Amino acid sequence: MSIIKEQTYSLDLEYVNQRVDNPYKAEINLGDPSQRIPGFLKTDEFGFYLSNHECPHSTIYYKSGSNNFTYITPKEYFDEDHITNYQFSDALFLQTLNSSNVSDTFNLSDYIYTKIGDYMLSSDNNMKGQQCFHIGTQVSLKGDEKRTNLVESLYEKGEIESQIFEFKILNDDEMCLVVGLELEEEEKKQYKFINSITIEDTAFFNYKKLGLKFTNINLNNYGTSYNRETNAEFDISLGCLLGSTDFNEYFKLFLKENNISVEPKLLEQEYYVYFFSKDFEKIEVIKNFAITFYNKELNYNFTFDYDDLFLEKRNGYYFLIAFEKEFRSTWKIGFPFFKKYKFIFDQESKSVGFYCPDGCSDGSSQIKESSFNYKKFFIILGIVFGAIIILIIGIFIGKTIFEVRKRRANELLEVYEYKDDENNQITDNQEKI
């Protein structure tokens, strides 16, 4: 399925806004004869359904114009306003590739539409007015979303052989949602799979989300690492990285350490974005910028530099780590992350697979090296300390044993001499007799 970024900006600031609110659109055909309905990638949702909410673009779906439309929810309920989950089936047409090989470069001419008959769908409205598809790719499961996920549904219908999917990036404006990946045994060995992260919401309800847990974040030219464990949710439709509030404070200290005085711009009253003008005196700090995220489970450092996280425009440089105005305890990692590192996802096992053909343990850096040296130091110190304790205890025990043995030897000697004297007295008396 081809997914193309919406191009609605004209000015630099609008372009940056698109980096935060960055919708991706796919064209989906529904009904027979087919009707084209826009679909939008929703990485924070699970289901694949029709909606008239949060649709940058939408169109009317004429169910009466399709020969394959079938009511699942009774027909009379479709005119009721209080029903929020209508179900029906119809012919669905999805873009597929002429070739099953998605590892090579391909373009729009490689796509064909494949018909999937009697596909069960749902709508969160009474199907009146204009509609769009929500294409959810999240692994969390709500009660009213059961059996609505696209990957899961295609797998149950036998249209795909697995529930593994990936986002294949073609360029900065287009990517493909590739579902039903079939990996050979040798290919599987090039990935390391870990469980999805667990997020706790304000209601103290734990649920799974696609993402990584970072135990260390390190900025260049700044001696103190950010050593707080933090969750980072995947959101490829986000055109930047969205940092936590705590890290924003840490970043301010980094700027102060480098004698940089700059105030972030507040965009749409929601997000802070740092901007550095072209006549910026400390431009070498920006040009030599590097940030490293360490994941303990993968044992890997994800590193980004100036080319990855700075957007150069005619008037200056925009930092592609934004921060929300409201407090945020977790990160969101978007397009820049996926552009540099490859991940696949397994809807069935709710796991994330990281592509590391050379082994994830090879991601060494100053963070891991420093950690290793500290561990090595403490191990050696522990051995030396332990040896000293054992030596002291050994000397004490040896001295004690020696004194005890000496005392016992003296006691035996005295007893022997006493008995000898006694024997001598007995012998003398016998002689006298």
Protein backbone atom coordinates (compact mmCIF):
# COMPACT_ATOMS: atom_id res chain seq x y z
CA MET A 1 0.00 0.00 0.00
CA SER A 2 1.54 3.31 -1.10
CA ILE A 3 1.35 6.06 1.50
CA ILE A 4 2.16 9.62 0.39
CA LYS A 5 2.74 12.64 2.64
CA GLU A 6 0.21 15.43 2.33
CA GLN A 7 1.80 18.56 0.78
CA THR A 8 -0.06 21.53 2.29
CA TYR A 9 2.75 23.90 3.30
CA SER A 10 3.99 27.01 1.52
CA LEU A 11 6.13 28.88 4.06
CA ASP A 12 9.02 27.72 6.21
CA LEU A 13 6.99 27.79 9.42
CA GLU A 14 4.18 25.81 7.81
CA TYR A 15 6.75 23.30 6.63
CA VAL A 16 8.02 22.88 10.16
CA ASN A 17 4.45 22.44 11.37
CA GLN A 18 4.15 19.58 8.92
CA ARG A 19 7.17 18.01 10.61
CA VAL A 20 5.12 17.75 13.79
CA ASP A 21 1.69 17.14 12.30
CA ASN A 22 2.68 15.07 9.31
CA PRO A 23 -0.28 13.15 7.79
CA TYR A 24 0.31 10.33 5.29
CA LYS A 25 -2.40 9.46 2.81
CA ALA A 26 -3.19 6.29 0.85
CA GLU A 27 -5.79 5.80 -1.85
CA ILE A 28 -8.10 2.85 -1.14
CA ASN A 29 -10.86 1.59 -3.41
CA LEU A 30 -14.06 0.30 -1.84
CA GLY A 31 -17.13 -1.27 -3.47
CA ASP A 32 -17.84 -2.85 -6.85
CA PRO A 33 -17.70 -0.84 -9.01
CA SER A 34 -15.02 0.70 -6.85
CA GLN A 35 -15.09 4.11 -5.25
CA ARG A 36 -11.85 5.80 -4.25
CA ILE A 37 -11.74 6.80 -0.59
CA PRO A 38 -8.71 8.50 1.02
CA GLY A 39 -7.07 6.69 3.92
CA PHE A 40 -4.80 8.23 6.53
CA LEU A 41 -2.11 6.50 8.54
CA LYS A 42 -2.96 6.47 12.25
CA THR A 43 -0.01 4.96 14.11
CA ASP A 44 -1.66 5.56 17.48
CA GLU A 45 -4.71 3.46 16.56
CA PHE A 46 -5.29 -0.26 16.09
CA GLY A 47 -8.28 -0.46 13.77
CA PHE A 48 -8.88 -0.10 10.03
CA TYR A 49 -12.27 1.57 9.62
CA LEU A 50 -14.30 4.37 8.03
CA SER A 51 -14.68 7.65 9.88
CA ASN A 52 -15.72 11.25 9.41
CA HIS A 53 -13.41 12.44 12.21
CA GLU A 54 -9.81 13.62 11.83
CA CYS A 55 -9.95 13.42 8.03
CA PRO A 56 -7.72 15.98 6.27
CA HIS A 57 -9.60 14.94 3.13
CA SER A 58 -12.75 12.88 2.77
CA THR A 59 -15.35 11.83 0.22
CA ILE A 60 -18.86 10.39 0.21
CA TYR A 61 -19.13 6.61 0.05
CA TYR A 62 -22.27 5.54 -1.80
CA LYS A 63 -23.06 2.11 -0.37
CA SER A 64 -26.09 1.86 -2.66
CA GLY A 65 -23.75 2.12 -5.65
CA SER A 66 -21.89 -1.09 -4.80
CA ASN A 67 -23.10 -4.52 -5.90
CA ASN A 68 -21.17 -6.17 -3.07
CA PHE A 69 -22.34 -4.08 -0.12
CA THR A 70 -23.92 -6.21 2.61
CA TYR A 71 -25.31 -5.09 5.97
CA ILE A 72 -23.93 -6.81 9.06
CA THR A 73 -25.45 -4.34 11.49
CA PRO A 74 -29.20 -4.49 10.70
CA LYS A 75 -30.19 -2.01 8.01
CA GLU A 76 -32.64 -0.12 10.19
CA TYR A 77 -29.88 0.85 12.64
CA PHE A 78 -27.88 2.71 9.99
CA ASP A 79 -30.23 5.68 10.36
CA GLU A 80 -29.92 5.75 14.14
CA ASP A 81 -27.70 8.48 15.59
CA HIS A 82 -26.84 6.65 18.82
CA ILE A 83 -25.11 3.70 17.08
CA THR A 84 -21.38 4.35 16.82
CA ASN A 85 -20.05 1.07 15.43
CA TYR A 86 -21.73 0.04 12.20
CA GLN A 87 -20.48 -3.12 10.52
CA PHE A 88 -20.81 -4.11 6.88
CA SER A 89 -18.93 -6.01 4.18
CA ASP A 90 -17.94 -4.98 0.68
CA ALA A 91 -15.27 -5.49 -1.93
CA LEU A 92 -11.96 -3.91 -0.91
CA PHE A 93 -9.21 -3.06 -3.40
CA LEU A 94 -5.67 -2.64 -2.02
CA GLN A 95 -2.48 -1.75 -3.85
CA THR A 96 -0.09 -4.68 -4.18
CA LEU A 97 3.14 -5.27 -6.05
CA ASN A 98 3.60 -7.21 -9.26
CA SER A 99 6.71 -8.67 -7.62
CA SER A 100 6.87 -10.12 -4.13
CA ASN A 101 10.42 -8.78 -3.76
CA VAL A 102 10.11 -5.57 -1.76
CA SER A 103 13.80 -5.31 -0.97
CA ASP A 104 14.63 -3.63 -4.27
CA THR A 105 13.69 -0.15 -5.38
CA PHE A 106 10.24 0.10 -6.89
CA ASN A 107 7.89 2.89 -7.99
CA LEU A 108 4.21 3.54 -8.64
CA SER A 109 4.26 1.65 -11.94
CA ASP A 110 4.89 -1.54 -9.97
CA TYR A 111 1.55 -1.33 -8.15
CA ILE A 112 -1.63 -3.13 -9.10
CA TYR A 113 -4.97 -3.21 -7.30
CA THR A 114 -6.00 -6.54 -5.83
CA LYS A 115 -9.64 -7.23 -5.01
CA ILE A 116 -10.54 -8.73 -1.64
CA GLY A 117 -14.16 -9.80 -1.65
CA ASP A 118 -16.56 -9.65 1.30
CA TYR A 119 -14.18 -7.71 3.51
CA MET A 120 -15.78 -6.89 6.85
CA LEU A 121 -15.45 -3.23 7.83
CA SER A 122 -16.78 -0.92 10.49
CA SER A 123 -17.66 2.76 10.68
CA ASP A 124 -17.61 5.00 13.74
CA ASN A 125 -20.60 6.99 12.42
CA ASN A 126 -23.89 6.40 10.66
CA MET A 127 -22.10 6.52 7.30
CA LYS A 128 -23.77 9.77 6.40
CA GLY A 129 -21.63 12.49 4.89
CA GLN A 130 -18.01 12.31 3.78
CA GLN A 131 -15.72 9.53 4.94
CA CYS A 132 -12.06 8.60 5.12
CA PHE A 133 -10.24 5.45 6.19
CA HIS A 134 -8.23 5.33 9.39
CA ILE A 135 -5.30 2.93 8.87
CA GLY A 136 -4.22 1.88 12.36
CA THR A 137 -0.88 0.11 12.85
CA GLN A 138 -0.65 0.06 16.64
CA VAL A 139 -0.55 -3.18 18.67
CA SER A 140 -2.77 -2.07 21.55
CA LEU A 141 -6.22 -3.60 21.51
CA LYS A 142 -9.39 -1.94 22.78
CA GLY A 143 -12.62 -3.82 23.28
CA ASP A 144 -14.43 -2.16 20.39
CA GLU A 145 -11.51 -2.66 17.99
CA LYS A 146 -11.34 -6.45 18.05
CA ARG A 147 -10.83 -8.01 14.64
CA THR A 148 -10.61 -4.59 12.96
CA ASN A 149 -6.87 -4.42 12.37
CA LEU A 150 -5.91 -4.56 8.67
CA VAL A 151 -2.95 -6.92 9.07
CA GLU A 152 -4.82 -9.24 11.43
CA SER A 153 -7.92 -9.35 9.19
CA LEU A 154 -5.96 -10.05 5.99
CA TYR A 155 -4.13 -12.86 7.77
CA GLU A 156 -7.37 -14.44 9.03
CA LYS A 157 -8.82 -14.30 5.50
CA GLY A 158 -5.75 -16.10 4.14
CA GLU A 159 -4.68 -13.13 1.99
CA ILE A 160 -1.22 -12.93 3.60
CA GLU A 161 1.05 -15.59 5.10
CA SER A 162 2.19 -13.74 8.22
CA GLN A 163 1.30 -10.81 10.45
CA ILE A 164 4.70 -9.19 10.02
CA PHE A 165 4.70 -5.74 8.45
CA GLU A 166 7.08 -2.85 7.81
CA PHE A 167 7.19 0.73 6.59
CA LYS A 168 9.42 0.82 3.53
CA ILE A 169 10.63 4.36 2.90
CA LEU A 170 10.99 5.30 -0.78
CA ASN A 171 11.84 8.98 -0.27
CA ASP A 172 11.07 11.82 2.14
CA ASP A 173 7.49 12.06 0.87
CA GLU A 174 6.49 8.48 0.11
CA MET A 175 6.62 5.10 1.78
CA CYS A 176 4.84 1.79 1.58
CA LEU A 177 3.07 -0.18 4.26
CA VAL A 178 4.20 -3.70 3.39
CA VAL A 179 2.16 -6.44 5.10
CA GLY A 180 2.52 -10.22 5.19
CA LEU A 181 6.32 -10.30 5.11
CA GLU A 182 7.73 -13.80 4.72
CA LEU A 183 11.26 -14.11 6.08
CA GLU A 184 13.57 -16.99 5.31
CA GLU A 185 15.53 -18.46 8.21
CA GLU A 186 18.69 -16.61 7.20
CA GLU A 187 16.76 -13.35 7.00
CA LYS A 188 15.27 -13.87 10.46
CA LYS A 189 18.78 -14.17 11.88
CA GLN A 190 19.46 -10.60 10.75
CA TYR A 191 16.76 -9.27 13.07
CA LYS A 192 16.59 -9.16 16.83
CA PHE A 193 13.03 -9.17 18.19
CA ILE A 194 12.06 -7.58 21.49
CA ASN A 195 8.69 -7.05 23.17
CA SER A 196 6.67 -3.89 22.71
CA ILE A 197 7.03 -1.31 25.46
CA THR A 198 4.41 -0.98 28.19
CA ILE A 199 2.77 2.42 28.63
CA GLU A 200 0.82 3.44 31.74
CA ASP A 201 -1.84 6.06 31.08
CA THR A 202 -3.46 8.45 33.53
CA ALA A 203 -6.03 5.81 34.51
CA PHE A 204 -3.17 3.48 35.54
CA PHE A 205 -4.08 1.05 32.80
CA ASN A 206 -1.09 -0.68 31.21
CA TYR A 207 -1.10 -1.37 27.49
CA LYS A 208 1.38 -2.30 24.79
CA LYS A 209 2.71 0.13 22.20
CA LEU A 210 5.32 -0.14 19.48
CA GLY A 211 8.50 1.51 20.67
CA LEU A 212 11.81 1.24 22.52
CA LYS A 213 13.04 1.85 26.06
CA PHE A 214 16.17 4.00 26.35
CA THR A 215 18.37 3.73 29.44
CA ASN A 216 20.86 6.42 28.42
CA ILE A 217 20.87 9.47 26.15
CA ASN A 218 24.13 11.28 25.49
CA LEU A 219 24.83 14.64 23.82
CA ASN A 220 28.22 15.56 22.39
CA ASN A 221 30.34 18.19 24.09
CA TYR A 222 28.43 17.69 27.32
CA GLY A 223 29.99 15.64 30.06
CA THR A 224 26.83 14.56 31.87
CA SER A 225 24.69 11.87 30.23
CA TYR A 226 20.91 11.76 30.56
CA ASN A 227 20.68 8.54 32.54
CA ARG A 228 16.94 8.40 33.20
CA GLU A 229 15.13 5.40 31.77
CA THR A 230 12.44 6.54 29.35
CA ASN A 231 9.96 5.00 26.92
CA ALA A 232 9.88 6.13 23.30
CA GLU A 233 6.80 5.38 21.18
CA PHE A 234 7.14 4.76 17.43
CA ASP A 235 5.20 7.20 15.23
CA ILE A 236 6.50 7.22 11.66
CA SER A 237 3.90 9.81 10.65
CA LEU A 238 5.67 12.24 12.98
CA GLY A 239 8.23 14.14 10.88
CA CYS A 240 10.57 14.74 13.81
CA LEU A 241 11.36 13.41 17.28
CA LEU A 242 9.23 14.55 20.19
CA GLY A 243 11.29 14.74 23.37
CA SER A 244 10.23 14.47 26.99
CA THR A 245 9.87 17.55 29.18
CA ASP A 246 12.78 16.44 31.38
CA PHE A 247 15.04 16.10 28.35
CA ASN A 248 14.11 19.63 27.27
CA GLU A 249 15.57 20.89 30.56
CA TYR A 250 18.65 18.76 29.98
CA PHE A 251 19.01 20.21 26.46
CA LYS A 252 18.81 23.74 27.88
CA LEU A 253 21.75 22.91 30.17
CA PHE A 254 23.65 21.62 27.15
CA LEU A 255 23.06 24.93 25.33
CA LYS A 256 24.14 26.91 28.41
CA GLU A 257 27.29 24.79 28.73
CA ASN A 258 28.17 25.78 25.16
CA ASN A 259 27.36 29.48 25.75
CA ILE A 260 24.33 29.35 23.44
CA SER A 261 21.41 31.64 24.18
CA VAL A 262 18.36 30.79 22.10
CA GLU A 263 14.65 30.62 22.92
CA PRO A 264 12.47 27.98 21.22
CA LYS A 265 9.56 29.01 19.01
CA LEU A 266 6.07 28.07 20.19
CA LEU A 267 4.14 26.64 17.24
CA GLU A 268 0.35 26.42 17.17
CA GLN A 269 0.43 26.98 20.95
CA GLU A 270 1.38 23.30 21.30
CA TYR A 271 5.02 22.61 20.41
CA TYR A 272 8.37 24.23 21.10
CA VAL A 273 10.90 24.10 18.23
CA TYR A 274 14.48 25.41 18.45
CA PHE A 275 15.62 27.65 15.60
CA PHE A 276 19.21 28.83 14.95
CA SER A 277 19.76 31.71 12.53
CA LYS A 278 22.32 31.64 9.72
CA ASP A 279 24.48 34.27 11.49
CA PHE A 280 24.57 32.16 14.63
CA GLU A 281 28.00 32.55 16.30
CA LYS A 282 28.22 29.01 17.68
CA ILE A 283 27.35 27.30 14.40
CA GLU A 284 30.20 24.81 14.88
CA VAL A 285 28.30 23.32 17.83
CA ILE A 286 25.34 22.69 15.53
CA LYS A 287 27.44 21.35 12.66
CA ASN A 288 29.19 18.91 15.03
CA PHE A 289 26.03 17.93 16.87
CA ALA A 290 25.50 14.26 17.82
CA ILE A 291 23.04 12.49 20.07
CA THR A 292 23.06 8.81 21.05
CA PHE A 293 20.17 6.74 22.40
CA TYR A 294 21.16 3.48 24.11
CA ASN A 295 18.78 0.51 24.30
CA LYS A 296 19.92 -2.10 26.80
CA GLU A 297 17.78 -4.96 25.48
CA LEU A 298 19.17 -4.63 21.96
CA ASN A 299 22.56 -3.60 23.36
CA TYR A 300 22.71 -0.95 20.67
CA ASN A 301 23.37 2.77 20.36
CA PHE A 302 21.21 4.72 17.92
CA THR A 303 23.22 7.77 16.87
CA PHE A 304 22.05 10.90 15.03
CA ASP A 305 24.09 13.87 13.83
CA TYR A 306 23.57 17.25 12.19
CA ASP A 307 22.45 15.73 8.88
CA ASP A 308 19.80 13.67 10.66
CA LEU A 309 18.31 16.22 13.04
CA PHE A 310 18.76 19.69 11.57
CA LEU A 311 16.65 21.12 8.80
CA GLU A 312 18.46 23.87 6.90
CA LYS A 313 16.23 26.55 5.38
CA ARG A 314 17.05 29.88 3.77
CA ASN A 315 16.88 31.77 7.08
CA GLY A 316 18.46 29.26 9.43
CA TYR A 317 18.41 25.78 10.99
CA TYR A 318 15.47 24.02 12.64
CA PHE A 319 16.17 21.39 15.29
CA LEU A 320 14.10 18.28 14.57
CA ILE A 321 13.58 17.37 18.21
CA ALA A 322 10.44 19.23 19.27
CA PHE A 323 8.87 19.49 22.72
CA GLU A 324 5.24 19.75 23.76
CA LYS A 325 4.05 22.76 25.71
CA GLU A 326 2.30 20.46 28.17
CA PHE A 327 4.29 18.05 30.34
CA ARG A 328 5.35 14.86 28.57
CA SER A 329 7.09 11.95 30.33
CA THR A 330 7.81 9.80 27.24
CA TRP A 331 9.37 10.32 23.80
CA LYS A 332 7.89 9.87 20.35
CA ILE A 333 10.31 8.90 17.61
CA GLY A 334 9.25 9.60 14.06
CA PHE A 335 10.41 9.64 10.46
CA PRO A 336 14.10 10.59 11.03
CA PHE A 337 14.49 7.47 13.17
CA PHE A 338 12.97 5.12 10.58
CA LYS A 339 14.88 6.79 7.76
CA LYS A 340 18.17 5.74 9.35
CA TYR A 341 17.30 2.43 11.06
CA LYS A 342 15.17 -0.44 9.82
CA PHE A 343 12.44 -2.07 11.90
CA ILE A 344 9.74 -4.64 11.23
CA PHE A 345 6.74 -5.43 13.40
CA ASP A 346 4.87 -8.60 14.28
CA GLN A 347 1.20 -7.95 14.99
CA GLU A 348 0.67 -11.48 16.31
CA SER A 349 3.44 -11.50 18.93
CA LYS A 350 3.26 -7.72 19.55
CA SER A 351 7.02 -7.51 19.04
CA VAL A 352 9.51 -5.22 17.31
CA GLY A 353 12.29 -6.55 15.09
CA PHE A 354 15.45 -4.47 14.65
CA TYR A 355 17.62 -5.09 11.58
CA CYS A 356 21.20 -5.65 12.76
CA PRO A 357 22.88 -8.13 10.39
CA ASP A 358 26.27 -7.66 12.09
CA GLY A 359 24.86 -8.28 15.55
CA CYS A 360 23.30 -5.77 17.91
CA SER A 361 26.20 -6.08 20.33
CA ASP A 362 28.43 -4.24 17.84
CA GLY A 363 26.87 -0.86 18.52
CA SER A 364 29.71 0.29 20.75
CA SER A 365 30.26 3.92 21.74
CA GLN A 366 31.60 6.01 24.55
CA ILE A 367 28.53 5.22 26.62
CA LYS A 368 28.97 1.46 26.53
CA GLU A 369 32.77 1.70 26.68
CA SER A 370 32.56 3.90 29.75
CA SER A 371 30.04 1.54 31.31
CA PHE A 372 32.29 -1.42 30.56
CA ASN A 373 35.35 0.30 32.08
CA TYR A 374 33.41 1.14 35.23
CA LYS A 375 32.26 -2.47 35.55
CA LYS A 376 35.79 -3.72 34.94
CA PHE A 377 37.16 -1.32 37.59
CA PHE A 378 34.64 -2.40 40.22
CA ILE A 379 35.23 -6.08 39.44
CA ILE A 380 38.99 -5.69 39.91
CA LEU A 381 38.46 -3.60 43.02
CA GLY A 382 36.13 -6.27 44.39
CA ILE A 383 38.67 -9.01 43.72
CA VAL A 384 41.49 -7.07 45.44
CA PHE A 385 39.28 -6.17 48.38
CA GLY A 386 38.11 -9.77 48.68
CA ALA A 387 41.69 -11.05 48.58
CA ILE A 388 42.71 -8.66 51.37
CA ILE A 389 39.77 -9.75 53.54
CA ILE A 390 40.60 -13.42 52.93
CA LEU A 391 44.26 -12.78 53.79
CA ILE A 392 43.37 -11.01 57.04
CA ILE A 393 40.92 -13.75 58.00
CA GLY A 394 43.51 -16.36 57.09
CA ILE A 395 46.16 -14.75 59.27
CA PHE A 396 43.74 -14.46 62.18
CA ILE A 397 42.57 -18.07 61.85
CA GLY A 398 46.15 -19.30 61.45
CA LYS A 399 47.29 -17.44 64.53
CA THR A 400 44.37 -18.76 66.53
CA ILE A 401 44.97 -22.34 65.42
CA PHE A 402 48.69 -22.02 66.21
CA GLU A 403 48.00 -20.76 69.76
CA VAL A 404 45.41 -23.51 70.36
CA ARG A 405 47.78 -26.20 69.10
CA LYS A 406 50.60 -24.82 71.25
CA ARG A 407 48.39 -24.78 74.34
CA ARG A 408 47.21 -28.32 73.64
CA ALA A 409 50.80 -29.45 73.08
CA ASN A 410 51.83 -27.95 76.40
CA GLU A 411 48.91 -29.63 78.11
CA LEU A 412 49.87 -33.00 76.63
CA LEU A 413 53.46 -32.51 77.65
CA GLU A 414 52.47 -31.66 81.21
CA VAL A 415 50.23 -34.67 81.43
CA TYR A 416 52.96 -36.87 80.08
CA GLU A 417 55.49 -35.54 82.59
CA TYR A 418 53.04 -35.91 85.44
CA LYS A 419 52.37 -39.49 84.52
CA ASP A 420 56.06 -40.08 84.12
CA ASP A 421 56.72 -38.76 87.63
CA GLU A 422 53.91 -40.87 88.93
CA ASN A 423 55.33 -43.93 87.21
CA ASN A 424 58.74 -43.17 88.61
CA GLN A 425 57.31 -42.95 92.16
CA ILE A 426 55.55 -46.28 91.72
CA THR A 427 58.78 -47.88 90.47
CA ASP A 428 60.78 -46.51 93.44
CA ASN A 429 58.22 -47.82 95.90
CA GLN A 430 58.31 -51.23 94.32
CA GLU A 431 62.07 -51.32 94.57
CA LYS A 432 61.87 -50.40 98.24
CA ILE A 433 59.41 -53.20 98.86
